[in-house]
Each structure stands twice: as C-alpha cells, then as structure tokens.
Amino acid sequence: MKRVVVTGLGVVSPIGNDVPTFWENIKAGKHGIAPITRFDTSDMGVKLAAEVKDFDSSLCYDKKEARRTDLYTQYVVEASRQALVDAGTEFKEDDAFRIGVYVGTGIGGINSLETEFTKFLEKGNSRVSPFAIPMLLSNMAAGGVAMRYGFKGTNFAVVSACASSAHTVGEAFAAIKAGRLDVALAGGTEASITKFTAAGFNNMKALSHSEDPDRASIPFDAERGGFVMGEGAAILVLEELEHALARGAKIYAEVGGYGATADAYHITSPSPTGDAASQAMIMAYTEAGAKPEEIDYINAHGTSTGLNDKYETNAIKIALGEENARKVNIGSTKSMTGHLLGAAGGIESIVCVKAIEEGFIPMTIGYKVKDEECDLNYTTEAPVQKEVRYALSNSFGFGGHNGSLCFKKYEA
C-alpha cells in the first residue's frame, strides 16, 4: 500500500479567502458570523450566517463564464487554483489519467435552482436559462475543476450531507493508497445561504436564533440553540509519497486513516448510542497506526446543536475510552466558520493539517456555560501550543452518514 501526503491547500471561507488569512483568523479566534446580507430576514427567526466576504470570481472566470457557473462551483475552482499554486505545480507533465478530482457538496447549485425556478414560475418556461441544469447539478464542481486543469482520472461528487467532503478526502486517500491514482484534489464546496435553504433548516429547528454574533455558534455550550449556516470551499492536494518526494514537494502532513459508517437510525438525529460514529473514529486512527492515547487533537463535528454535541461527546468516549477522551484536546472551528455543510470536512481537514504543521490547537470560541452532558476538554479558554502527531477530523451528516479522518505528522 502506498503512503499519501498533503502537498497543497486552498480555501474560500467566511474568515478568509486564502489559507494564510484563514489560518491567522483561526489562530486569533476570530469568527465570520454577521447579519445575513443575501436576503431579507425580517419575516424569519434566523438573522445570522457566516457568509464569504469579498469573493473575487475574476481570479478564475471571465464575466461570461461566471454568469454560467453557480457560486458553489466558483468557490471550489478558486480553492483548487490556490491549492495547485501552493503545491507548486499543475501536474501538466503527469499522466492526466492518474490525477483525480473528488469534490463533495451537500446541496449543490441551490442559488441557480432558486433563481431559475422563480423565473419559470413568474415568466414561463422560455425564460429558464439553458445553463440551469449544469449550474445546479451537484457533480458540476468536480467536473469544473477537472475541465479547468485537464485532470482525467477518477472524478466524482460525494453527496452525503455534512459528511460529504470528509468522504471525498477519505475516498481520494483510499484511491491513492491502493495505487489507482498518483494525485487527487479532494475537498468540498457549498454556497447555500439562500432564503429557501434557511427556511428549510429553520423550520426543522436546526438553526440558531441568536442575534448576537459572538453567541450564535457555540458548540458544547449549554445555551447552544442550533447551527449557523456557513459557506465556502476547501481543497487539499493529496499525493502519493514517492511521487511527492520525486518532485521535491513540500509535505504538510500525512493522511493516515479513514473511517466511514452509517448510524442507520434517523433522517436528522445522530444515534444516541454513538456506536457508528465511534467506529468511524476507531477505523481512522487504527488505519493510521495510532493508539487511542496517541490522539492529540480532535476537530469535532461540533455543530452547536443540542443533539449532535452531546452524542458526539459520547461517541468520543467510546472511541478513545473514557480516560483518554478526557485528556485529548477537542475543538470545534465551526464556532468561527459556522457550519459549511458539505464543505465542512474539507475545511476542517485543513485545520488539522495546519495544526500538525505548526503544533497549534485552536480554541472553541464563544463558550461560556458548561453543559453537564458535554464534559470533555473542548479547549475553550485559549488555544494550545503543543506537538500534534495525530489529529482526527469528524464529520456527521443527516441520514446518519459518518466520516472520520486521521492525519499524522509526516516522518520519512
């Protein structure tokens, strides 16, 4: 089996549209949550979101192309551009059939769907754009990246709600490890801060109704009341180790293991037993060759919803054992980025990679009130400077989809 390393990173996010800005804001404990600007919220309970600010589509598209491309695809094409710049190559000298693209999304081109369906209802079928279907398809982000760079290897979109991009990174890792690919761009994208989406999540009681940006996304806090919608994209360049070494690539970290399971329980609620979520974590760190006591950091799914946070706490205890679970530094960067849905696993993978690179564990900001059912070390007082040899990233999605990734410090 081949070893797989991370050699490039790219991000578009509510707290920065490049990796250096994003990471500095993570380290500083700054969030990107503010009043929604995309639509009128006067008739809705939800008022806040974590929107991407100052996104410049001209970095990747001319005006004509941009009009024909949904925002969720634009985000990930830009993140991919950054990741390849960071990797130091567009792999043009490589066999294009050995380079894959795996891009996850939970909702896909919902902006285009809403816009075009409104035109259909109000103005008739002749006014619907001929690009409507390609713009809204959930696979078009992966296709768009491949077309941009000519990558002809495995290409698909994982759609497993909020576990989508954890699964894309995991599946890309598995393909390279098995020798089917040499390189893969893997991650996720989401641009679903729309009135319809907000109404749907709000009516299922999933969203925070807080009007205080500092107390809206508060994972593991007793006063948490729902998640804050976020948006953006994240891409990691995954590369077979010998391929990376042969070209003198910078190596951020190694992808050690991947676990994917299903709760088989409920359409929205995680399983209270935590058996499937814990098994995903066990699979990930076991494949990485780590013992439970060797896990230094867990970037939790930590959505700030009542059920997720207490059930994830229980799952971590099962996965690591009670004693180890109480020692490990756990955090949720959704306290800063909001919940990027299908892009969450990708952006949180980047956090884990940077945590390993710099020996820095971010804090969970906004936390004030202890919940007796959430009784682990959520790193709420301050960030922690320490060596991180193994980091887990958890992502759980509606429908009971679980994905856990184990990243490890690269050692020759």
Protein backbone atom coordinates (compact mmCIF):
# COMPACT_ATOMS: atom_id res chain seq x y z
CA MET A 1 0.00 0.00 0.00
CA LYS A 2 1.17 3.49 -0.86
CA ARG A 3 1.57 6.35 1.61
CA VAL A 4 -0.43 9.52 0.99
CA VAL A 5 0.67 13.04 1.91
CA VAL A 6 -0.82 16.53 1.72
CA THR A 7 1.16 18.87 -0.55
CA GLY A 8 -1.21 21.76 -1.27
CA LEU A 9 -4.06 23.66 0.37
CA GLY A 10 -6.68 26.13 -0.86
CA VAL A 11 -9.65 27.76 0.83
CA VAL A 12 -12.52 30.20 0.39
CA SER A 13 -14.21 30.84 3.72
CA PRO A 14 -16.15 33.25 5.93
CA ILE A 15 -12.87 34.17 7.66
CA GLY A 16 -10.56 34.46 4.70
CA ASN A 17 -10.33 33.68 1.01
CA ASP A 18 -6.85 32.22 1.15
CA VAL A 19 -5.12 29.83 3.53
CA PRO A 20 -2.80 32.34 5.27
CA THR A 21 -5.69 34.70 6.10
CA PHE A 22 -7.99 31.85 7.11
CA TRP A 23 -5.39 30.26 9.38
CA GLU A 24 -4.37 33.53 11.05
CA ASN A 25 -8.02 34.20 11.89
CA ILE A 26 -8.41 30.66 13.24
CA LYS A 27 -5.35 31.19 15.44
CA ALA A 28 -6.63 34.58 16.58
CA GLY A 29 -10.08 33.18 17.44
CA LYS A 30 -11.97 35.43 15.02
CA HIS A 31 -15.33 34.40 13.63
CA GLY A 32 -17.06 35.32 10.39
CA ILE A 33 -20.63 35.42 11.69
CA ALA A 34 -22.72 38.53 10.96
CA PRO A 35 -26.24 39.61 9.92
CA ILE A 36 -27.36 37.96 6.69
CA THR A 37 -26.98 40.20 3.63
CA ARG A 38 -28.13 37.78 0.90
CA PHE A 39 -31.86 38.08 1.58
CA ASP A 40 -34.42 39.86 3.76
CA THR A 41 -34.73 38.14 7.15
CA SER A 42 -37.49 40.35 8.56
CA ASP A 43 -40.05 37.52 8.40
CA MET A 44 -37.67 34.81 9.68
CA GLY A 45 -36.36 33.74 13.05
CA VAL A 46 -32.82 33.28 11.72
CA LYS A 47 -30.82 36.51 11.36
CA LEU A 48 -27.15 35.48 11.22
CA ALA A 49 -24.89 33.49 8.91
CA ALA A 50 -21.21 33.09 8.12
CA GLU A 51 -21.06 34.47 4.59
CA VAL A 52 -18.00 34.59 2.35
CA LYS A 53 -16.92 38.21 2.02
CA ASP A 54 -15.23 39.98 -0.92
CA PHE A 55 -15.01 36.91 -3.13
CA ASP A 56 -13.40 37.77 -6.47
CA SER A 57 -14.68 35.42 -9.18
CA SER A 58 -12.43 37.12 -11.76
CA LEU A 59 -9.50 35.16 -10.32
CA CYS A 60 -10.88 32.14 -12.17
CA TYR A 61 -13.65 33.29 -14.50
CA ASP A 62 -14.40 36.00 -17.02
CA LYS A 63 -17.79 37.68 -16.67
CA LYS A 64 -19.48 35.44 -19.25
CA GLU A 65 -18.22 32.24 -17.58
CA ALA A 66 -19.22 33.48 -14.14
CA ARG A 67 -22.82 34.09 -15.26
CA ARG A 68 -22.99 30.46 -16.40
CA THR A 69 -21.48 28.97 -13.24
CA ASP A 70 -23.12 28.60 -9.84
CA LEU A 71 -21.35 30.18 -6.89
CA TYR A 72 -20.64 26.81 -5.27
CA THR A 73 -18.57 25.82 -8.32
CA GLN A 74 -16.82 29.19 -8.44
CA TYR A 75 -15.73 28.78 -4.84
CA VAL A 76 -14.10 25.41 -5.38
CA VAL A 77 -12.42 26.30 -8.66
CA GLU A 78 -10.74 29.18 -6.81
CA ALA A 79 -9.79 26.94 -3.88
CA SER A 80 -8.32 24.46 -6.37
CA ARG A 81 -6.32 27.19 -8.07
CA GLN A 82 -4.83 28.16 -4.72
CA ALA A 83 -4.07 24.56 -3.79
CA LEU A 84 -2.18 23.94 -7.03
CA VAL A 85 -0.22 27.16 -6.62
CA ASP A 86 0.62 26.03 -3.10
CA ALA A 87 1.65 22.60 -4.40
CA GLY A 88 3.97 24.33 -6.86
CA THR A 89 2.64 22.59 -9.96
CA GLU A 90 -0.43 21.97 -12.09
CA PHE A 91 0.89 18.46 -12.82
CA LYS A 92 0.96 19.09 -16.57
CA GLU A 93 3.89 16.70 -17.01
CA ASP A 94 1.98 13.85 -15.35
CA ASP A 95 -0.36 11.30 -16.85
CA ALA A 96 -3.73 13.08 -16.70
CA PHE A 97 -5.48 9.74 -16.07
CA ARG A 98 -3.51 9.37 -12.81
CA ILE A 99 -4.87 12.62 -11.35
CA GLY A 100 -8.34 12.60 -9.79
CA VAL A 101 -10.79 15.18 -8.54
CA TYR A 102 -13.14 14.46 -5.62
CA VAL A 103 -15.42 17.34 -4.62
CA GLY A 104 -18.22 16.91 -2.10
CA THR A 105 -21.26 19.11 -1.61
CA GLY A 106 -24.37 18.77 0.48
CA ILE A 107 -26.74 20.89 -1.58
CA GLY A 108 -25.01 21.89 -4.81
CA GLY A 109 -26.23 24.73 -7.02
CA ILE A 110 -29.16 25.88 -4.92
CA ASN A 111 -28.66 29.54 -5.89
CA SER A 112 -29.19 28.67 -9.54
CA LEU A 113 -32.10 26.38 -8.75
CA GLU A 114 -33.93 29.10 -6.82
CA THR A 115 -33.23 31.77 -9.42
CA GLU A 116 -34.24 29.70 -12.42
CA PHE A 117 -37.29 28.15 -10.78
CA THR A 118 -38.52 31.61 -9.82
CA LYS A 119 -38.14 32.67 -13.46
CA PHE A 120 -40.02 29.56 -14.54
CA LEU A 121 -42.94 30.31 -12.22
CA GLU A 122 -43.11 34.05 -12.89
CA LYS A 123 -42.11 34.35 -16.55
CA GLY A 124 -42.64 30.94 -18.12
CA ASN A 125 -40.53 28.08 -19.39
CA SER A 126 -38.92 30.03 -22.22
CA ARG A 127 -37.07 32.25 -19.75
CA VAL A 128 -35.24 29.41 -17.99
CA SER A 129 -31.52 29.52 -18.73
CA PRO A 130 -30.14 26.77 -20.98
CA PHE A 131 -27.36 26.53 -18.38
CA ALA A 132 -29.81 25.96 -15.50
CA ILE A 133 -29.28 22.21 -15.21
CA PRO A 134 -25.45 22.27 -15.41
CA MET A 135 -25.38 25.10 -12.87
CA LEU A 136 -27.47 23.26 -10.28
CA LEU A 137 -26.04 19.73 -10.63
CA SER A 138 -24.09 18.57 -7.58
CA ASN A 139 -21.34 16.97 -9.70
CA MET A 140 -20.55 20.09 -11.68
CA ALA A 141 -18.00 21.43 -9.17
CA ALA A 142 -15.86 18.31 -9.56
CA GLY A 143 -16.33 18.44 -13.31
CA GLY A 144 -15.48 22.12 -13.42
CA VAL A 145 -12.16 21.62 -11.63
CA ALA A 146 -11.21 18.74 -13.93
CA MET A 147 -12.09 20.71 -17.05
CA ARG A 148 -10.09 23.68 -15.86
CA TYR A 149 -6.89 21.67 -15.43
CA GLY A 150 -7.36 18.69 -17.74
CA PHE A 151 -7.33 16.07 -14.98
CA LYS A 152 -8.81 12.86 -16.44
CA GLY A 153 -8.57 10.45 -13.52
CA THR A 154 -11.34 9.41 -11.15
CA ASN A 155 -13.82 12.26 -10.88
CA PHE A 156 -16.98 12.34 -8.84
CA ALA A 157 -19.01 14.22 -6.28
CA VAL A 158 -19.80 12.70 -2.93
CA VAL A 159 -23.18 13.89 -1.64
CA SER A 160 -23.59 12.75 1.95
CA ALA A 161 -24.85 15.95 3.58
CA CYS A 162 -22.42 17.36 6.14
CA ALA A 163 -20.09 14.36 5.80
CA SER A 164 -19.63 14.95 2.05
CA SER A 165 -16.12 16.36 1.96
CA ALA A 166 -14.81 14.13 4.73
CA HIS A 167 -15.83 11.29 2.44
CA THR A 168 -14.18 12.88 -0.62
CA VAL A 169 -10.87 13.25 1.21
CA GLY A 170 -11.19 9.71 2.52
CA GLU A 171 -12.07 8.18 -0.84
CA ALA A 172 -9.28 10.07 -2.61
CA PHE A 173 -6.85 8.86 0.06
CA ALA A 174 -8.04 5.27 -0.46
CA ALA A 175 -7.59 5.52 -4.24
CA ILE A 176 -4.02 6.78 -3.97
CA LYS A 177 -3.16 4.29 -1.22
CA ALA A 178 -4.38 1.45 -3.44
CA GLY A 179 -2.28 2.67 -6.35
CA ARG A 180 -5.15 3.74 -8.61
CA LEU A 181 -4.06 7.41 -8.66
CA ASP A 182 -0.88 9.37 -8.06
CA VAL A 183 -2.53 12.68 -7.17
CA ALA A 184 -6.01 13.87 -6.24
CA LEU A 185 -7.62 17.19 -5.49
CA ALA A 186 -10.07 16.49 -2.69
CA GLY A 187 -12.41 18.59 -0.61
CA GLY A 188 -15.80 20.24 -0.76
CA THR A 189 -17.81 23.32 -1.53
CA GLU A 190 -21.09 24.92 -0.51
CA ALA A 191 -22.93 28.14 -1.32
CA SER A 192 -26.33 27.56 0.19
CA ILE A 193 -27.09 30.71 2.18
CA THR A 194 -30.40 31.34 0.46
CA LYS A 195 -33.83 32.16 1.80
CA PHE A 196 -35.30 28.79 0.82
CA THR A 197 -32.47 26.83 2.44
CA ALA A 198 -32.62 28.97 5.56
CA ALA A 199 -36.39 28.44 5.76
CA GLY A 200 -35.99 24.68 5.46
CA PHE A 201 -33.31 24.39 8.12
CA ASN A 202 -35.09 26.90 10.33
CA ASN A 203 -38.42 25.10 10.17
CA MET A 204 -36.77 21.85 11.26
CA LYS A 205 -35.45 23.77 14.31
CA ALA A 206 -31.81 23.28 13.29
CA LEU A 207 -30.64 26.91 13.15
CA SER A 208 -29.56 29.31 15.87
CA HIS A 209 -31.94 32.20 16.51
CA SER A 210 -29.33 34.22 18.34
CA GLU A 211 -28.87 37.80 17.19
CA ASP A 212 -25.52 38.07 18.95
CA PRO A 213 -22.76 37.00 16.52
CA ASP A 214 -20.49 36.17 19.46
CA ARG A 215 -23.02 33.76 20.97
CA ALA A 216 -24.58 32.21 17.88
CA SER A 217 -22.30 29.27 17.07
CA ILE A 218 -21.33 27.98 20.50
CA PRO A 219 -20.54 24.25 20.28
CA PHE A 220 -20.80 22.24 23.51
CA ASP A 221 -22.18 25.25 25.43
CA ALA A 222 -25.32 24.60 27.47
CA GLU A 223 -27.04 27.58 25.80
CA ARG A 224 -26.43 26.38 22.23
CA GLY A 225 -29.55 26.54 20.12
CA GLY A 226 -28.62 25.42 16.62
CA PHE A 227 -26.02 25.81 13.95
CA VAL A 228 -25.09 28.90 11.94
CA MET A 229 -25.07 28.47 8.17
CA GLY A 230 -21.67 28.95 6.60
CA GLU A 231 -20.34 28.71 3.05
CA GLY A 232 -17.10 28.35 1.15
CA ALA A 233 -14.79 25.70 -0.26
CA ALA A 234 -11.64 23.81 0.68
CA ILE A 235 -9.28 21.68 -1.40
CA LEU A 236 -6.34 19.53 -0.38
CA VAL A 237 -3.80 18.21 -2.85
CA LEU A 238 -3.22 14.58 -1.88
CA GLU A 239 -0.20 12.91 -3.38
CA GLU A 240 1.47 9.52 -3.29
CA LEU A 241 4.57 9.92 -1.15
CA GLU A 242 7.21 8.81 -3.67
CA HIS A 243 5.62 11.00 -6.33
CA ALA A 244 5.79 13.98 -3.98
CA LEU A 245 9.39 13.28 -2.98
CA ALA A 246 10.47 12.87 -6.59
CA ARG A 247 9.43 16.42 -7.40
CA GLY A 248 10.70 17.90 -4.13
CA ALA A 249 7.25 18.83 -2.85
CA LYS A 250 6.61 20.49 0.48
CA ILE A 251 4.78 17.98 2.70
CA TYR A 252 2.35 19.38 5.27
CA ALA A 253 1.24 16.11 6.83
CA GLU A 254 0.34 12.54 6.03
CA VAL A 255 -3.17 11.17 5.64
CA GLY A 256 -3.09 8.18 7.94
CA GLY A 257 -6.56 6.68 8.03
CA TYR A 258 -10.23 6.97 7.15
CA GLY A 259 -13.41 5.60 8.64
CA ALA A 260 -16.92 5.73 7.21
CA THR A 261 -20.02 4.27 8.83
CA ALA A 262 -23.79 4.74 8.98
CA ASP A 263 -25.99 5.26 12.02
CA ALA A 264 -28.96 3.59 10.26
CA TYR A 265 -31.09 5.43 12.80
CA HIS A 266 -32.87 8.68 11.80
CA ILE A 267 -33.07 11.21 8.96
CA THR A 268 -31.71 14.10 11.03
CA SER A 269 -30.78 12.97 14.55
CA PRO A 270 -27.44 11.30 15.26
CA SER A 271 -27.72 7.98 17.04
CA PRO A 272 -27.70 8.46 20.82
CA THR A 273 -25.60 5.32 21.27
CA GLY A 274 -22.66 6.78 19.32
CA ASP A 275 -21.71 3.29 18.17
CA ALA A 276 -21.37 4.08 14.45
CA ALA A 277 -19.70 7.47 14.90
CA SER A 278 -17.21 5.97 17.34
CA GLN A 279 -16.49 3.11 14.96
CA ALA A 280 -15.61 5.62 12.21
CA MET A 281 -13.05 7.19 14.55
CA ILE A 282 -11.64 3.81 15.55
CA MET A 283 -11.29 2.80 11.90
CA ALA A 284 -9.48 6.05 11.09
CA TYR A 285 -6.89 6.01 13.87
CA THR A 286 -6.34 2.26 13.61
CA GLU A 287 -5.54 2.53 9.89
CA ALA A 288 -3.15 5.36 10.77
CA GLY A 289 -1.32 3.06 13.19
CA ALA A 290 -2.24 5.15 16.24
CA LYS A 291 -3.39 4.08 19.67
CA PRO A 292 -6.27 5.90 21.40
CA GLU A 293 -3.90 7.57 23.86
CA GLU A 294 -1.81 8.95 20.99
CA ILE A 295 -4.54 11.17 19.54
CA ASP A 296 -3.54 14.75 20.32
CA TYR A 297 -6.38 16.73 18.75
CA ILE A 298 -9.93 16.13 17.58
CA ASN A 299 -11.58 18.67 15.33
CA ALA A 300 -15.11 17.71 16.32
CA HIS A 301 -18.17 17.93 14.12
CA GLY A 302 -19.38 20.20 16.94
CA THR A 303 -22.33 21.88 15.22
CA SER A 304 -23.77 23.77 18.22
CA THR A 305 -26.98 21.77 18.06
CA GLY A 306 -28.40 20.16 21.16
CA LEU A 307 -28.27 16.56 19.95
CA ASN A 308 -25.04 16.49 17.95
CA ASP A 309 -22.77 17.87 20.63
CA LYS A 310 -23.87 15.55 23.43
CA TYR A 311 -23.98 12.47 21.20
CA GLU A 312 -20.57 13.25 19.69
CA THR A 313 -19.21 13.60 23.22
CA ASN A 314 -20.46 10.12 23.96
CA ALA A 315 -19.01 8.75 20.71
CA ILE A 316 -15.56 10.16 21.52
CA LYS A 317 -15.65 8.46 24.91
CA ILE A 318 -16.46 5.14 23.25
CA ALA A 319 -13.81 5.58 20.55
CA LEU A 320 -10.93 6.57 22.83
CA GLY A 321 -12.02 5.22 26.17
CA GLU A 322 -13.18 7.46 28.99
CA GLU A 323 -9.71 8.26 30.37
CA ASN A 324 -8.16 9.14 27.01
CA ALA A 325 -11.25 11.08 25.93
CA ARG A 326 -10.86 13.40 28.91
CA LYS A 327 -7.22 14.16 28.09
CA VAL A 328 -7.37 14.87 24.35
CA ASN A 329 -7.79 18.46 23.13
CA ILE A 330 -11.14 18.70 21.36
CA GLY A 331 -12.36 21.74 19.49
CA SER A 332 -14.96 22.91 17.00
CA THR A 333 -13.83 25.52 14.49
CA LYS A 334 -17.49 25.87 13.50
CA SER A 335 -17.51 28.38 16.35
CA MET A 336 -15.58 30.60 13.91
CA THR A 337 -16.61 29.48 10.41
CA GLY A 338 -20.18 28.48 11.03
CA HIS A 339 -21.28 25.18 9.50
CA LEU A 340 -20.12 24.81 5.89
CA LEU A 341 -22.32 21.74 5.42
CA GLY A 342 -20.83 19.71 2.54
CA ALA A 343 -17.58 21.70 2.71
CA ALA A 344 -17.14 21.30 6.48
CA GLY A 345 -14.99 18.17 6.35
CA GLY A 346 -12.65 19.75 3.82
CA ILE A 347 -12.08 22.99 5.66
CA GLU A 348 -11.68 21.17 8.98
CA SER A 349 -9.16 18.82 7.36
CA ILE A 350 -7.11 21.89 6.52
CA VAL A 351 -7.32 22.95 10.17
CA CYS A 352 -5.98 19.55 11.23
CA VAL A 353 -3.14 19.70 8.70
CA LYS A 354 -2.14 23.19 9.85
CA ALA A 355 -2.43 22.14 13.50
CA ILE A 356 0.06 19.35 12.82
CA GLU A 357 2.36 21.61 10.81
CA GLU A 358 2.56 24.35 13.45
CA GLY A 359 1.86 22.45 16.67
CA PHE A 360 -1.15 24.67 17.34
CA ILE A 361 -4.60 23.61 18.56
CA PRO A 362 -7.31 26.26 18.01
CA MET A 363 -9.77 27.10 20.72
CA THR A 364 -13.55 26.77 20.60
CA ILE A 365 -14.59 30.41 20.86
CA GLY A 366 -17.76 31.82 22.42
CA TYR A 367 -18.07 29.09 25.05
CA LYS A 368 -19.36 30.26 28.44
CA VAL A 369 -21.86 27.88 30.05
CA LYS A 370 -20.91 24.31 30.92
CA ASP A 371 -23.26 21.53 29.84
CA GLU A 372 -23.07 18.52 32.18
CA GLU A 373 -23.68 16.19 29.22
CA CYS A 374 -20.73 17.70 27.34
CA ASP A 375 -17.95 17.13 29.84
CA LEU A 376 -14.74 16.74 27.81
CA ASN A 377 -11.78 19.05 27.15
CA TYR A 378 -13.16 21.34 24.44
CA THR A 379 -10.21 23.80 24.52
CA THR A 380 -12.38 26.80 25.39
CA GLU A 381 -10.08 29.03 27.45
CA ALA A 382 -7.25 29.59 24.98
CA PRO A 383 -5.54 27.89 22.05
CA VAL A 384 -2.89 25.31 22.94
CA GLN A 385 0.66 25.22 21.62
CA LYS A 386 1.84 21.60 21.60
CA GLU A 387 3.14 18.96 19.23
CA VAL A 388 0.34 17.33 17.30
CA ARG A 389 1.32 13.91 15.96
CA TYR A 390 -2.18 12.58 15.30
CA ALA A 391 -5.35 14.59 14.63
CA LEU A 392 -8.87 13.35 13.98
CA SER A 393 -11.46 15.27 11.97
CA ASN A 394 -15.08 14.21 12.48
CA SER A 395 -17.98 14.88 10.11
CA PHE A 396 -21.52 13.57 10.55
CA GLY A 397 -24.40 14.17 8.15
CA PHE A 398 -28.18 14.00 8.04
CA GLY A 399 -29.16 10.49 7.04
CA GLY A 400 -26.69 9.05 9.52
CA HIS A 401 -23.53 9.41 7.42
CA ASN A 402 -20.31 9.40 9.46
CA GLY A 403 -16.80 10.18 8.26
CA SER A 404 -13.62 10.42 10.31
CA LEU A 405 -10.13 11.21 9.02
CA CYS A 406 -6.85 10.71 10.84
CA PHE A 407 -3.97 12.98 9.83
CA LYS A 408 -0.48 12.39 11.16
CA LYS A 409 2.84 14.17 11.29
CA TYR A 410 4.94 13.18 8.29
CA GLU A 411 8.04 11.20 9.14
CA ALA A 412 10.36 9.87 6.43
